[in-house]
């Protein structure tokens, strides 16, 4: 097992994800835990110190005990972790004269060899992703420079005798071209068994749920997406008939979605399902609300109210299960690192009320979408569920900037349905991570049938991604976009202008609110 110490980076979980892709089990613990006295440290074959938003030059910045170097296991520091290693062992950290953000070329120091660089730097250079304003300016005793950039020395450092290494860049992110190879080399240095598979993840999650829940009853918030469905399947394997799934028709769903989900769930699973009609209460509470954070918090609270009400009817329900994923957690609040910034509150994380009568069960909250799909496949989940695009819990409420009305939702439903059906018609649906339509709170002048119109504009958004942490817009041919635009304008009375979003994540998010 590899233990990751989290210093509050937004991408710490990506380190775990890359390590898991190498079939190696890993855990994440916060920097301020009693690390040296945890069970995890005794089982760890290697340590990774993550990046973080702080500066090691600042007093009371996040740190760990220097005694981690006495454990005699390989250690890798990434960005902030790289600088912290140097600081703890007597090196010097200074503010960079020239900061490095984004794509950077680093070059190998041919004098110094290391297993960390095996099969890398084939042209004496590597393209990596930097994000730092501080830099190591003096190495601790025993360390050598393995690679540098044009801007700064010590992009990669190492102490071969102690098997301690540091990289100033982020090997875990997609933009570091051979980042996975860097991590694989470190795994090989640590000589860790590579036997962590979807089968083992599934077995581990089921066993954990059995231990956590025991013979208590659970209700599971079901949306029909892959996340909540996999959560339901894991729970059913763990606790059988003590599980009841609750599907809330909140009036914020896509066209015919409630009927489709009920039909498919009952067709494929022998799990208790109850549908709650709550359209009126959701729309009433959202009336006049424009702020996206307020929308999410209102929706989160209303979901909990519904679940708690239904729990009372079922009696002796102690737990509420949700299909929360790690990208939701990262954007809402930091589950591990206390320094991570809040991007937006997800209804099932940051949007939850502080006081709840039910205890949360979130078996997937440290996993990414692709990992969940692998688990779903292991559980023999039907492709109808497995291949569905992500759909947010707040539904169309966050795809309708500004005040929500029944009329706006109706327009959005129809436009969204046309877009999705067009993607399926042209066999593009499975090539896209997520596709959506946004109804803008903007009306524009148009001409239809020689008459003036003054109607809403909508935006088509489709992105490609692997984990939801970063994304790029999906490319479509002009003919596809033209046909889709014409169908929306001709078939949805109330929309006279269609736009296409070409914003990546970052700087944007996948959803608009």
Protein backbone atom coordinates (compact mmCIF):
# COMPACT_ATOMS: atom_id res chain seq x y z
CA UNK A 1 0.00 0.00 0.00
CA UNK A 2 1.09 3.57 -0.73
CA UNK A 3 0.05 6.30 1.69
CA UNK A 4 -0.63 9.80 0.33
CA UNK A 5 -0.36 12.74 2.73
CA UNK A 6 -2.71 15.48 1.58
CA UNK A 7 -1.70 19.13 1.95
CA UNK A 8 -4.94 20.52 0.49
CA UNK A 9 -4.33 20.30 -3.26
CA UNK A 10 -7.35 20.27 -5.58
CA UNK A 11 -5.79 17.33 -7.42
CA UNK A 12 -4.57 15.14 -4.56
CA UNK A 13 -7.11 12.47 -5.44
CA UNK A 14 -5.65 12.34 -8.95
CA UNK A 15 -2.46 10.99 -7.40
CA UNK A 16 -4.46 8.17 -5.86
CA UNK A 17 -6.26 7.60 -9.13
CA UNK A 18 -3.00 7.27 -11.09
CA UNK A 19 -1.56 4.92 -8.48
CA UNK A 20 -4.71 2.80 -8.58
CA UNK A 21 -4.43 2.64 -12.37
CA UNK A 22 -1.13 0.90 -11.71
CA UNK A 23 -3.09 -1.72 -9.71
CA UNK A 24 -1.66 -0.50 -6.41
CA UNK A 25 -3.82 0.11 -3.34
CA UNK A 26 -3.42 3.54 -1.76
CA UNK A 27 -4.97 5.70 0.93
CA UNK A 28 -5.14 9.45 1.54
CA UNK A 29 -4.79 10.99 4.99
CA UNK A 30 -4.70 14.69 5.93
CA UNK A 31 -1.41 16.30 6.84
CA UNK A 32 -2.59 17.15 10.36
CA UNK A 33 -3.51 13.57 11.29
CA UNK A 34 -1.36 11.72 13.82
CA UNK A 35 0.40 10.12 10.88
CA UNK A 36 3.10 8.23 12.74
CA UNK A 37 0.55 6.53 14.97
CA UNK A 38 -1.97 5.45 12.34
CA UNK A 39 -2.53 1.89 11.22
CA UNK A 40 -1.96 3.06 7.64
CA UNK A 41 1.64 4.11 8.27
CA UNK A 42 2.51 0.65 9.58
CA UNK A 43 1.13 -0.90 6.39
CA UNK A 44 2.62 1.65 4.00
CA UNK A 45 5.37 0.60 1.62
CA UNK A 46 5.90 4.18 0.42
CA UNK A 47 4.78 7.76 1.11
CA UNK A 48 3.73 10.50 -1.30
CA UNK A 49 3.50 14.11 -0.11
CA UNK A 50 0.94 16.00 -2.20
CA UNK A 51 0.88 19.52 -3.52
CA UNK A 52 -1.02 22.31 -1.79
CA UNK A 53 -1.93 26.01 -2.01
CA UNK A 54 0.29 27.18 0.86
CA UNK A 55 3.92 28.30 0.97
CA UNK A 56 6.49 26.46 3.07
CA UNK A 57 8.09 29.86 3.72
CA UNK A 58 5.11 30.96 5.81
CA UNK A 59 4.98 30.31 9.55
CA UNK A 60 2.46 27.63 10.60
CA UNK A 61 2.22 26.33 7.05
CA UNK A 62 1.10 22.66 6.80
CA UNK A 63 3.86 20.25 7.71
CA UNK A 64 4.62 16.77 9.04
CA UNK A 65 7.08 15.34 11.52
CA UNK A 66 10.66 14.99 10.34
CA UNK A 67 10.50 11.48 11.76
CA UNK A 68 8.76 10.23 8.57
CA UNK A 69 12.26 9.95 7.11
CA UNK A 70 13.21 7.47 9.84
CA UNK A 71 10.60 4.92 8.69
CA UNK A 72 12.98 3.82 5.92
CA UNK A 73 10.45 3.61 3.08
CA UNK A 74 10.56 5.47 -0.27
CA UNK A 75 9.13 9.00 -0.20
CA UNK A 76 8.06 11.19 -3.13
CA UNK A 77 7.22 14.88 -2.75
CA UNK A 78 5.09 16.62 -5.39
CA UNK A 79 5.22 20.44 -5.74
CA UNK A 80 4.50 21.64 -2.17
CA UNK A 81 5.55 18.19 -0.93
CA UNK A 82 8.82 18.52 -2.87
CA UNK A 83 9.55 21.85 -1.21
CA UNK A 84 8.56 20.55 2.22
CA UNK A 85 10.98 17.64 1.98
CA UNK A 86 13.78 20.08 1.29
CA UNK A 87 12.74 22.39 4.11
CA UNK A 88 12.52 19.57 6.66
CA UNK A 89 15.93 18.18 5.70
CA UNK A 90 17.80 21.48 5.74
CA UNK A 91 17.40 22.82 2.21
CA UNK A 92 16.31 26.33 1.27
CA UNK A 93 13.03 27.52 -0.29
CA UNK A 94 12.71 30.98 -1.84
CA UNK A 95 10.12 32.94 -3.74
CA UNK A 96 10.67 32.31 -7.45
CA UNK A 97 11.97 35.19 -9.54
CA UNK A 98 9.91 33.77 -12.38
CA UNK A 99 6.86 31.70 -11.50
CA UNK A 100 6.03 28.56 -13.45
CA UNK A 101 2.40 27.89 -14.32
CA UNK A 102 1.24 25.55 -17.06
CA UNK A 103 3.24 23.61 -19.63
CA UNK A 104 7.00 23.55 -18.98
CA UNK A 105 9.93 21.72 -20.57
CA UNK A 106 12.41 20.15 -18.15
CA UNK A 107 15.79 18.70 -19.09
CA UNK A 108 17.71 15.85 -17.52
CA UNK A 109 20.99 16.31 -15.72
CA UNK A 110 23.02 13.67 -17.52
CA UNK A 111 25.56 13.47 -14.69
CA UNK A 112 23.09 12.04 -12.19
CA UNK A 113 21.23 8.78 -12.78
CA UNK A 114 18.13 7.51 -11.01
CA UNK A 115 15.57 4.71 -11.33
CA UNK A 116 12.93 7.43 -11.03
CA UNK A 117 13.87 8.51 -14.57
CA UNK A 118 13.92 5.05 -16.16
CA UNK A 119 12.63 5.08 -19.77
CA UNK A 120 12.05 8.83 -19.60
CA UNK A 121 13.83 11.82 -21.16
CA UNK A 122 14.38 9.94 -24.43
CA UNK A 123 15.16 13.25 -26.15
CA UNK A 124 16.73 14.64 -22.98
CA UNK A 125 13.50 16.50 -22.20
CA UNK A 126 10.00 16.03 -20.81
CA UNK A 127 6.86 18.15 -21.04
CA UNK A 128 5.37 18.63 -17.57
CA UNK A 129 2.73 20.76 -15.85
CA UNK A 130 3.93 23.29 -13.27
CA UNK A 131 1.96 25.38 -10.79
CA UNK A 132 4.16 27.12 -8.23
CA UNK A 133 5.45 30.49 -7.06
CA UNK A 134 8.17 29.16 -4.71
CA UNK A 135 11.20 27.09 -5.62
CA UNK A 136 13.96 25.04 -4.02
CA UNK A 137 17.17 27.09 -4.18
CA UNK A 138 19.48 24.94 -2.02
CA UNK A 139 19.41 21.16 -1.73
CA UNK A 140 19.62 19.26 1.56
CA UNK A 141 22.68 17.12 2.18
CA UNK A 142 22.65 13.88 0.18
CA UNK A 143 20.38 15.16 -2.63
CA UNK A 144 21.33 15.75 -6.25
CA UNK A 145 19.64 17.55 -9.11
CA UNK A 146 18.10 15.12 -11.61
CA UNK A 147 16.38 17.63 -13.91
CA UNK A 148 15.80 21.36 -14.29
CA UNK A 149 13.82 23.84 -16.37
CA UNK A 150 14.96 27.01 -18.13
CA UNK A 151 13.43 29.01 -15.29
CA UNK A 152 14.66 27.14 -12.24
CA UNK A 153 16.94 24.36 -11.07
CA UNK A 154 15.88 21.32 -9.06
CA UNK A 155 12.74 20.37 -11.00
CA UNK A 156 13.53 16.79 -9.97
CA UNK A 157 15.78 15.89 -7.05
CA UNK A 158 16.71 12.66 -5.35
CA UNK A 159 18.62 11.00 -2.52
CA UNK A 160 19.18 7.48 -3.83
CA UNK A 161 20.54 6.17 -0.52
CA UNK A 162 17.41 7.12 1.41
CA UNK A 163 15.08 6.63 -1.60
CA UNK A 164 13.64 10.11 -1.13
CA UNK A 165 12.65 12.11 -4.21
CA UNK A 166 10.99 15.37 -5.10
CA UNK A 167 9.38 16.72 -8.29
CA UNK A 168 8.39 20.36 -8.66
CA UNK A 169 5.73 19.55 -11.27
CA UNK A 170 2.48 17.55 -11.07
CA UNK A 171 2.92 14.04 -12.55
CA UNK A 172 -0.69 13.19 -11.60
CA UNK A 173 -2.33 15.59 -14.07
CA UNK A 174 -3.08 14.73 -17.66
CA UNK A 175 -0.99 17.63 -18.98
CA UNK A 176 2.27 16.05 -17.77
CA UNK A 177 2.79 13.89 -20.83
CA UNK A 178 4.61 11.00 -19.13
CA UNK A 179 3.40 11.67 -15.61
CA UNK A 180 2.08 8.15 -15.12
CA UNK A 181 5.50 6.74 -16.00
CA UNK A 182 7.14 8.89 -13.30
CA UNK A 183 4.69 7.47 -10.76
CA UNK A 184 5.16 3.93 -12.07
CA UNK A 185 8.92 4.24 -11.61
CA UNK A 186 8.36 5.34 -8.02
CA UNK A 187 6.02 2.38 -7.46
CA UNK A 188 8.74 0.08 -8.78
CA UNK A 189 11.32 1.67 -6.50
CA UNK A 190 8.97 0.95 -3.59
CA UNK A 191 8.54 -2.65 -4.78
CA UNK A 192 4.79 -2.53 -4.04
CA UNK A 193 2.53 -5.43 -5.04
CA UNK A 194 0.37 -4.47 -8.04
CA UNK A 195 -2.75 -6.47 -7.26
CA UNK A 196 -5.42 -3.78 -6.69
CA UNK A 197 -8.23 -4.40 -9.21
CA UNK A 198 -11.93 -3.44 -9.69
CA UNK A 199 -12.79 -6.80 -8.12
CA UNK A 200 -10.84 -5.95 -4.97
CA UNK A 201 -12.28 -2.40 -4.86
CA UNK A 202 -15.80 -3.81 -5.09
CA UNK A 203 -15.16 -6.43 -2.43
CA UNK A 204 -13.56 -3.84 -0.15
CA UNK A 205 -16.51 -1.41 -0.51
CA UNK A 206 -19.09 -4.13 0.20
CA UNK A 207 -17.20 -5.32 3.27
CA UNK A 208 -16.86 -1.75 4.54
CA UNK A 209 -20.61 -1.16 4.11
CA UNK A 210 -21.39 -4.37 6.02
CA UNK A 211 -19.22 -3.25 8.92
CA UNK A 212 -20.51 0.34 8.90
CA UNK A 213 -24.23 -0.41 8.65
CA UNK A 214 -24.66 -3.81 10.29
CA UNK A 215 -28.34 -4.75 10.54
CA UNK A 216 -29.63 -1.15 10.33
CA UNK A 217 -31.93 0.14 7.55
CA UNK A 218 -30.79 2.48 4.77
CA UNK A 219 -32.56 4.67 2.25
CA UNK A 220 -30.63 5.49 -0.91
CA UNK A 221 -31.22 8.67 -2.91
CA UNK A 222 -31.61 7.34 -6.45
CA UNK A 223 -31.27 9.60 -9.49
CA UNK A 224 -31.00 6.87 -12.13
CA UNK A 225 -27.44 7.85 -13.00
CA UNK A 226 -24.54 5.45 -12.79
CA UNK A 227 -23.29 6.83 -9.44
CA UNK A 228 -26.48 6.38 -7.41
CA UNK A 229 -27.26 3.10 -9.17
CA UNK A 230 -23.84 1.62 -8.36
CA UNK A 231 -24.29 2.85 -4.78
CA UNK A 232 -27.63 1.02 -4.62
CA UNK A 233 -26.12 -2.20 -6.01
CA UNK A 234 -23.23 -2.13 -3.52
CA UNK A 235 -25.65 -1.56 -0.65
CA UNK A 236 -27.95 -4.34 -1.82
CA UNK A 237 -25.00 -6.74 -1.90
CA UNK A 238 -24.08 -5.66 1.62
CA UNK A 239 -27.43 -5.37 3.44
CA UNK A 240 -30.04 -7.01 1.14
CA UNK A 241 -33.64 -6.07 2.02
CA UNK A 242 -32.65 -3.44 4.57
CA UNK A 243 -32.26 -1.08 1.60
CA UNK A 244 -34.99 1.11 0.10
CA UNK A 245 -34.25 3.43 -2.81
CA UNK A 246 -36.05 6.77 -2.98
CA UNK A 247 -36.46 8.52 -6.33
CA UNK A 248 -37.56 12.16 -6.02
CA UNK A 249 -39.42 13.67 -8.96
CA UNK A 250 -38.53 17.27 -8.15
CA UNK A 251 -39.74 18.92 -11.33
CA UNK A 252 -36.14 19.58 -12.38
CA UNK A 253 -35.66 16.43 -14.44
CA UNK A 254 -35.21 15.98 -18.18
CA UNK A 255 -38.03 15.04 -20.53
CA UNK A 256 -39.78 11.80 -19.48
CA UNK A 257 -36.91 11.03 -17.14
CA UNK A 258 -38.99 9.95 -14.13
CA UNK A 259 -40.94 7.38 -16.16
CA UNK A 260 -37.77 6.07 -17.82
CA UNK A 261 -35.90 5.60 -14.55
CA UNK A 262 -38.82 3.84 -12.83
CA UNK A 263 -39.23 1.48 -15.79
CA UNK A 264 -35.52 0.65 -16.14
CA UNK A 265 -34.88 0.22 -12.42
CA UNK A 266 -37.81 -2.12 -11.91
CA UNK A 267 -36.89 -4.04 -15.07
CA UNK A 268 -33.25 -4.68 -14.14
CA UNK A 269 -33.17 -4.83 -10.31
CA UNK A 270 -34.98 -6.52 -7.43
CA UNK A 271 -34.47 -3.59 -5.07
CA UNK A 272 -37.27 -1.75 -3.28
CA UNK A 273 -37.97 1.58 -5.01
CA UNK A 274 -40.33 4.37 -3.98
CA UNK A 275 -41.03 7.44 -6.13
CA UNK A 276 -41.90 10.70 -4.37
CA UNK A 277 -43.72 13.41 -6.33
CA UNK A 278 -42.26 16.68 -5.05
CA UNK A 279 -42.40 19.02 -8.06
CA UNK A 280 -44.53 21.69 -6.40
CA UNK A 281 -42.52 22.00 -3.19
CA UNK A 282 -39.20 22.35 -5.07
CA UNK A 283 -40.49 24.97 -7.52
CA UNK A 284 -42.22 26.94 -4.75
CA UNK A 285 -39.04 27.16 -2.68
CA UNK A 286 -36.94 28.14 -5.71
CA UNK A 287 -39.33 30.90 -6.81
CA UNK A 288 -37.52 34.20 -7.17
CA UNK A 289 -34.07 32.70 -6.38
CA UNK A 290 -31.31 33.59 -8.86
CA UNK A 291 -28.07 33.02 -6.93
CA UNK A 292 -26.60 29.61 -7.93
CA UNK A 293 -25.25 28.83 -4.45
CA UNK A 294 -28.65 29.56 -2.88
CA UNK A 295 -30.30 27.27 -5.45
CA UNK A 296 -27.97 24.41 -4.58
CA UNK A 297 -28.44 24.83 -0.83
CA UNK A 298 -32.23 25.05 -1.13
CA UNK A 299 -32.29 21.91 -3.28
CA UNK A 300 -29.94 20.06 -0.91
CA UNK A 301 -32.13 20.92 2.09
CA UNK A 302 -35.35 19.93 0.30
CA UNK A 303 -33.90 16.56 -0.70
CA UNK A 304 -32.99 15.88 2.93
CA UNK A 305 -36.47 16.94 4.07
CA UNK A 306 -38.03 14.46 1.63
CA UNK A 307 -35.65 11.65 2.63
CA UNK A 308 -36.20 12.20 6.36
CA UNK A 309 -39.98 12.26 5.87
CA UNK A 310 -39.86 8.99 3.94
CA UNK A 311 -37.49 7.47 6.50
CA UNK A 312 -40.07 8.07 9.24
CA UNK A 313 -42.68 6.19 7.20
CA UNK A 314 -40.33 3.20 6.83
CA UNK A 315 -39.30 3.23 10.51
CA UNK A 316 -35.92 2.46 12.04
CA UNK A 317 -33.98 3.96 9.13
CA UNK A 318 -30.60 5.15 10.38
CA UNK A 319 -28.67 5.92 7.19
CA UNK A 320 -29.00 7.96 4.00
CA UNK A 321 -26.87 6.73 1.10
CA UNK A 322 -25.76 8.98 -1.77
CA UNK A 323 -23.76 8.47 -4.94
CA UNK A 324 -21.37 11.32 -4.16
CA UNK A 325 -18.13 11.27 -6.19
CA UNK A 326 -14.80 12.86 -5.42
CA UNK A 327 -15.02 15.69 -8.00
CA UNK A 328 -18.23 16.79 -6.21
CA UNK A 329 -16.42 16.74 -2.89
CA UNK A 330 -13.42 18.67 -4.21
CA UNK A 331 -15.56 21.46 -5.68
CA UNK A 332 -17.82 21.69 -2.61
CA UNK A 333 -15.40 21.31 0.25
CA UNK A 334 -12.22 19.46 1.08
CA UNK A 335 -12.77 15.97 2.45
CA UNK A 336 -9.15 15.66 3.49
CA UNK A 337 -7.08 18.79 3.03
CA UNK A 338 -8.44 21.75 4.93
CA UNK A 339 -6.88 24.24 2.57
CA UNK A 340 -8.61 23.25 -0.63
CA UNK A 341 -10.77 26.00 -2.14
CA UNK A 342 -14.53 25.71 -2.54
CA UNK A 343 -15.57 26.09 -6.19
CA UNK A 344 -19.30 25.46 -5.80
CA UNK A 345 -21.58 23.65 -3.38
CA UNK A 346 -22.97 20.41 -4.72
CA UNK A 347 -26.45 19.68 -3.39
CA UNK A 348 -25.32 16.40 -1.87
CA UNK A 349 -22.13 17.78 -0.26
CA UNK A 350 -21.80 21.48 0.47
CA UNK A 351 -25.53 21.99 -0.09
CA UNK A 352 -26.56 19.71 2.78
CA UNK A 353 -28.00 21.23 5.98
CA UNK A 354 -25.73 21.18 9.03
CA UNK A 355 -28.21 19.20 11.13
CA UNK A 356 -29.54 15.90 9.82
CA UNK A 357 -31.41 13.07 11.50
CA UNK A 358 -29.86 10.51 9.17
CA UNK A 359 -26.22 9.47 9.03
CA UNK A 360 -24.63 9.73 5.59
CA UNK A 361 -23.25 6.73 3.73
CA UNK A 362 -21.18 7.66 0.67
CA UNK A 363 -19.21 4.63 -0.53
CA UNK A 364 -18.02 6.31 -3.74
CA UNK A 365 -16.87 9.67 -2.38
CA UNK A 366 -13.17 8.99 -2.97
CA UNK A 367 -13.68 7.64 -6.49
CA UNK A 368 -13.87 9.12 -9.97
CA UNK A 369 -16.54 8.47 -12.59
CA UNK A 370 -14.44 6.04 -14.64
CA UNK A 371 -13.65 4.02 -11.50
CA UNK A 372 -17.35 3.88 -10.65
CA UNK A 373 -18.13 2.62 -14.13
CA UNK A 374 -15.55 -0.16 -13.69
CA UNK A 375 -17.21 -1.16 -10.42
CA UNK A 376 -20.60 -1.04 -12.15
CA UNK A 377 -19.27 -3.35 -14.83
CA UNK A 378 -17.97 -5.70 -12.15
CA UNK A 379 -21.50 -5.70 -10.64
CA UNK A 380 -22.94 -6.53 -14.09
CA UNK A 381 -24.74 -3.20 -14.35
CA UNK A 382 -26.67 -2.86 -17.61
CA UNK A 383 -25.09 -0.53 -20.20
CA UNK A 384 -28.26 1.57 -20.19
CA UNK A 385 -27.16 2.81 -16.77
CA UNK A 386 -23.43 2.38 -17.23
CA UNK A 387 -23.15 4.66 -20.27
CA UNK A 388 -25.51 7.43 -19.17
CA UNK A 389 -24.05 10.92 -19.18
CA UNK A 390 -23.63 12.51 -15.76
CA UNK A 391 -26.69 14.46 -14.64
CA UNK A 392 -26.40 16.73 -11.60
CA UNK A 393 -28.61 16.24 -8.56
CA UNK A 394 -29.98 19.82 -8.79
CA UNK A 395 -30.95 18.90 -12.34
CA UNK A 396 -32.10 21.59 -14.75
CA UNK A 397 -32.06 24.17 -11.96
CA UNK A 398 -28.36 24.76 -12.53
CA UNK A 399 -28.77 24.81 -16.29
CA UNK A 400 -31.21 27.67 -16.08
CA UNK A 401 -29.23 30.72 -14.84
CA UNK A 402 -31.37 33.28 -13.06
CA UNK A 403 -34.85 32.70 -11.70
CA UNK A 404 -36.44 29.33 -12.43
CA UNK A 405 -39.96 29.14 -13.83
CA UNK A 406 -42.07 26.28 -15.13
CA UNK A 407 -42.04 27.87 -18.60
CA UNK A 408 -38.23 28.13 -18.68
CA UNK A 409 -37.88 24.52 -17.54
CA UNK A 410 -40.26 23.37 -20.26
CA UNK A 411 -38.21 25.15 -22.95
CA UNK A 412 -34.99 23.73 -21.53
CA UNK A 413 -36.38 20.18 -21.42
CA UNK A 414 -37.38 20.25 -25.07
CA UNK A 415 -34.08 21.75 -26.25
CA UNK A 416 -32.07 19.31 -24.13
CA UNK A 417 -34.00 16.34 -25.49
CA UNK A 418 -33.36 17.42 -29.08
CA UNK A 419 -29.63 17.80 -28.43
CA UNK A 420 -29.33 14.34 -26.84
CA UNK A 421 -31.39 12.67 -29.57
CA UNK A 422 -29.21 14.33 -32.21
CA UNK A 423 -26.09 12.96 -30.53
CA UNK A 424 -27.59 9.47 -30.53
CA UNK A 425 -28.74 9.81 -34.15
CA UNK A 426 -25.18 10.58 -35.28
CA UNK A 427 -23.56 7.97 -32.95
CA UNK A 428 -21.87 10.71 -30.98
CA UNK A 429 -23.46 10.14 -27.59
CA UNK A 430 -20.84 7.67 -26.33
CA UNK A 431 -17.99 9.85 -27.60
CA UNK A 432 -19.02 12.64 -25.25
CA UNK A 433 -18.46 12.71 -21.50
CA UNK A 434 -21.41 14.99 -20.86
CA UNK A 435 -23.82 16.95 -23.05
CA UNK A 436 -26.23 19.61 -21.86
CA UNK A 437 -28.22 22.66 -22.84
CA UNK A 438 -28.27 25.91 -20.88
CA UNK A 439 -31.20 28.31 -21.17
CA UNK A 440 -29.85 31.84 -20.85
CA UNK A 441 -31.78 34.54 -18.97
CA UNK A 442 -31.40 36.61 -22.14
CA UNK A 443 -33.89 37.33 -24.90
CA UNK A 444 -32.74 38.41 -28.33
CA UNK A 445 -34.47 39.77 -31.42
CA UNK A 446 -34.99 37.35 -34.28
CA UNK A 447 -36.89 37.04 -37.55
CA UNK A 448 -39.18 34.06 -38.18
CA UNK A 449 -41.70 34.02 -41.04
CA UNK A 450 -41.01 37.67 -41.82
CA UNK A 451 -42.08 38.53 -38.30
CA UNK A 452 -40.09 39.91 -35.39
CA UNK A 453 -39.44 37.60 -32.45
CA UNK A 454 -38.08 38.36 -29.01
CA UNK A 455 -37.26 35.04 -27.40
CA UNK A 456 -34.75 33.15 -25.26
CA UNK A 457 -31.26 32.03 -26.29
CA UNK A 458 -29.84 28.64 -25.38
CA UNK A 459 -26.29 27.23 -25.30
CA UNK A 460 -25.18 23.76 -26.36
CA UNK A 461 -22.36 22.36 -24.23
CA UNK A 462 -20.58 19.04 -24.73
CA UNK A 463 -17.27 18.06 -23.16
CA UNK A 464 -14.73 15.27 -23.25
CA UNK A 465 -13.07 14.17 -20.01
CA UNK A 466 -11.73 11.15 -18.14
CA UNK A 467 -12.37 12.11 -14.54
CA UNK A 468 -14.45 15.30 -14.51
CA UNK A 469 -11.60 17.27 -12.94
CA UNK A 470 -10.52 18.70 -16.28
CA UNK A 471 -12.43 18.78 -19.55
CA UNK A 472 -12.30 20.14 -23.06
CA UNK A 473 -15.16 20.96 -25.38
CA UNK A 474 -16.19 18.27 -27.83
CA UNK A 475 -15.68 19.05 -31.51
CA UNK A 476 -18.66 18.66 -33.84
CA UNK A 477 -18.93 19.17 -37.58
CA UNK A 478 -20.68 22.28 -38.81
CA UNK A 479 -23.46 20.19 -40.36
CA UNK A 480 -24.34 18.57 -37.04
CA UNK A 481 -24.44 21.89 -35.19
CA UNK A 482 -26.46 23.52 -37.96
CA UNK A 483 -29.05 20.74 -38.04
CA UNK A 484 -29.33 20.68 -34.23
CA UNK A 485 -29.73 24.46 -34.07
CA UNK A 486 -32.44 24.42 -36.74
CA UNK A 487 -34.38 21.65 -34.99
CA UNK A 488 -34.34 23.51 -31.66
CA UNK A 489 -35.45 26.81 -33.19
CA UNK A 490 -38.14 25.19 -35.33
CA UNK A 491 -39.50 22.83 -32.70
CA UNK A 492 -39.14 24.78 -29.45
CA UNK A 493 -41.38 27.83 -29.49
CA UNK A 494 -39.72 30.39 -27.26
CA UNK A 495 -36.09 29.93 -28.39
CA UNK A 496 -34.79 31.84 -31.40
CA UNK A 497 -31.01 31.65 -30.96
CA UNK A 498 -28.61 28.74 -30.35
CA UNK A 499 -24.98 29.11 -29.26
CA UNK A 500 -22.14 26.59 -28.76
CA UNK A 501 -19.85 26.70 -25.70
CA UNK A 502 -16.13 26.16 -26.46
CA UNK A 503 -14.84 26.74 -22.91
CA UNK A 504 -12.58 24.15 -21.31
CA UNK A 505 -12.42 23.20 -17.60
CA UNK A 506 -10.59 25.09 -16.23
CA UNK A 507 -11.23 28.00 -16.50
CA UNK A 508 -14.93 27.10 -16.71
CA UNK A 509 -16.80 24.31 -14.96
CA UNK A 510 -18.71 21.66 -16.89
CA UNK A 511 -22.06 22.90 -15.61
CA UNK A 512 -22.76 26.61 -15.75
CA UNK A 513 -23.89 26.99 -12.14
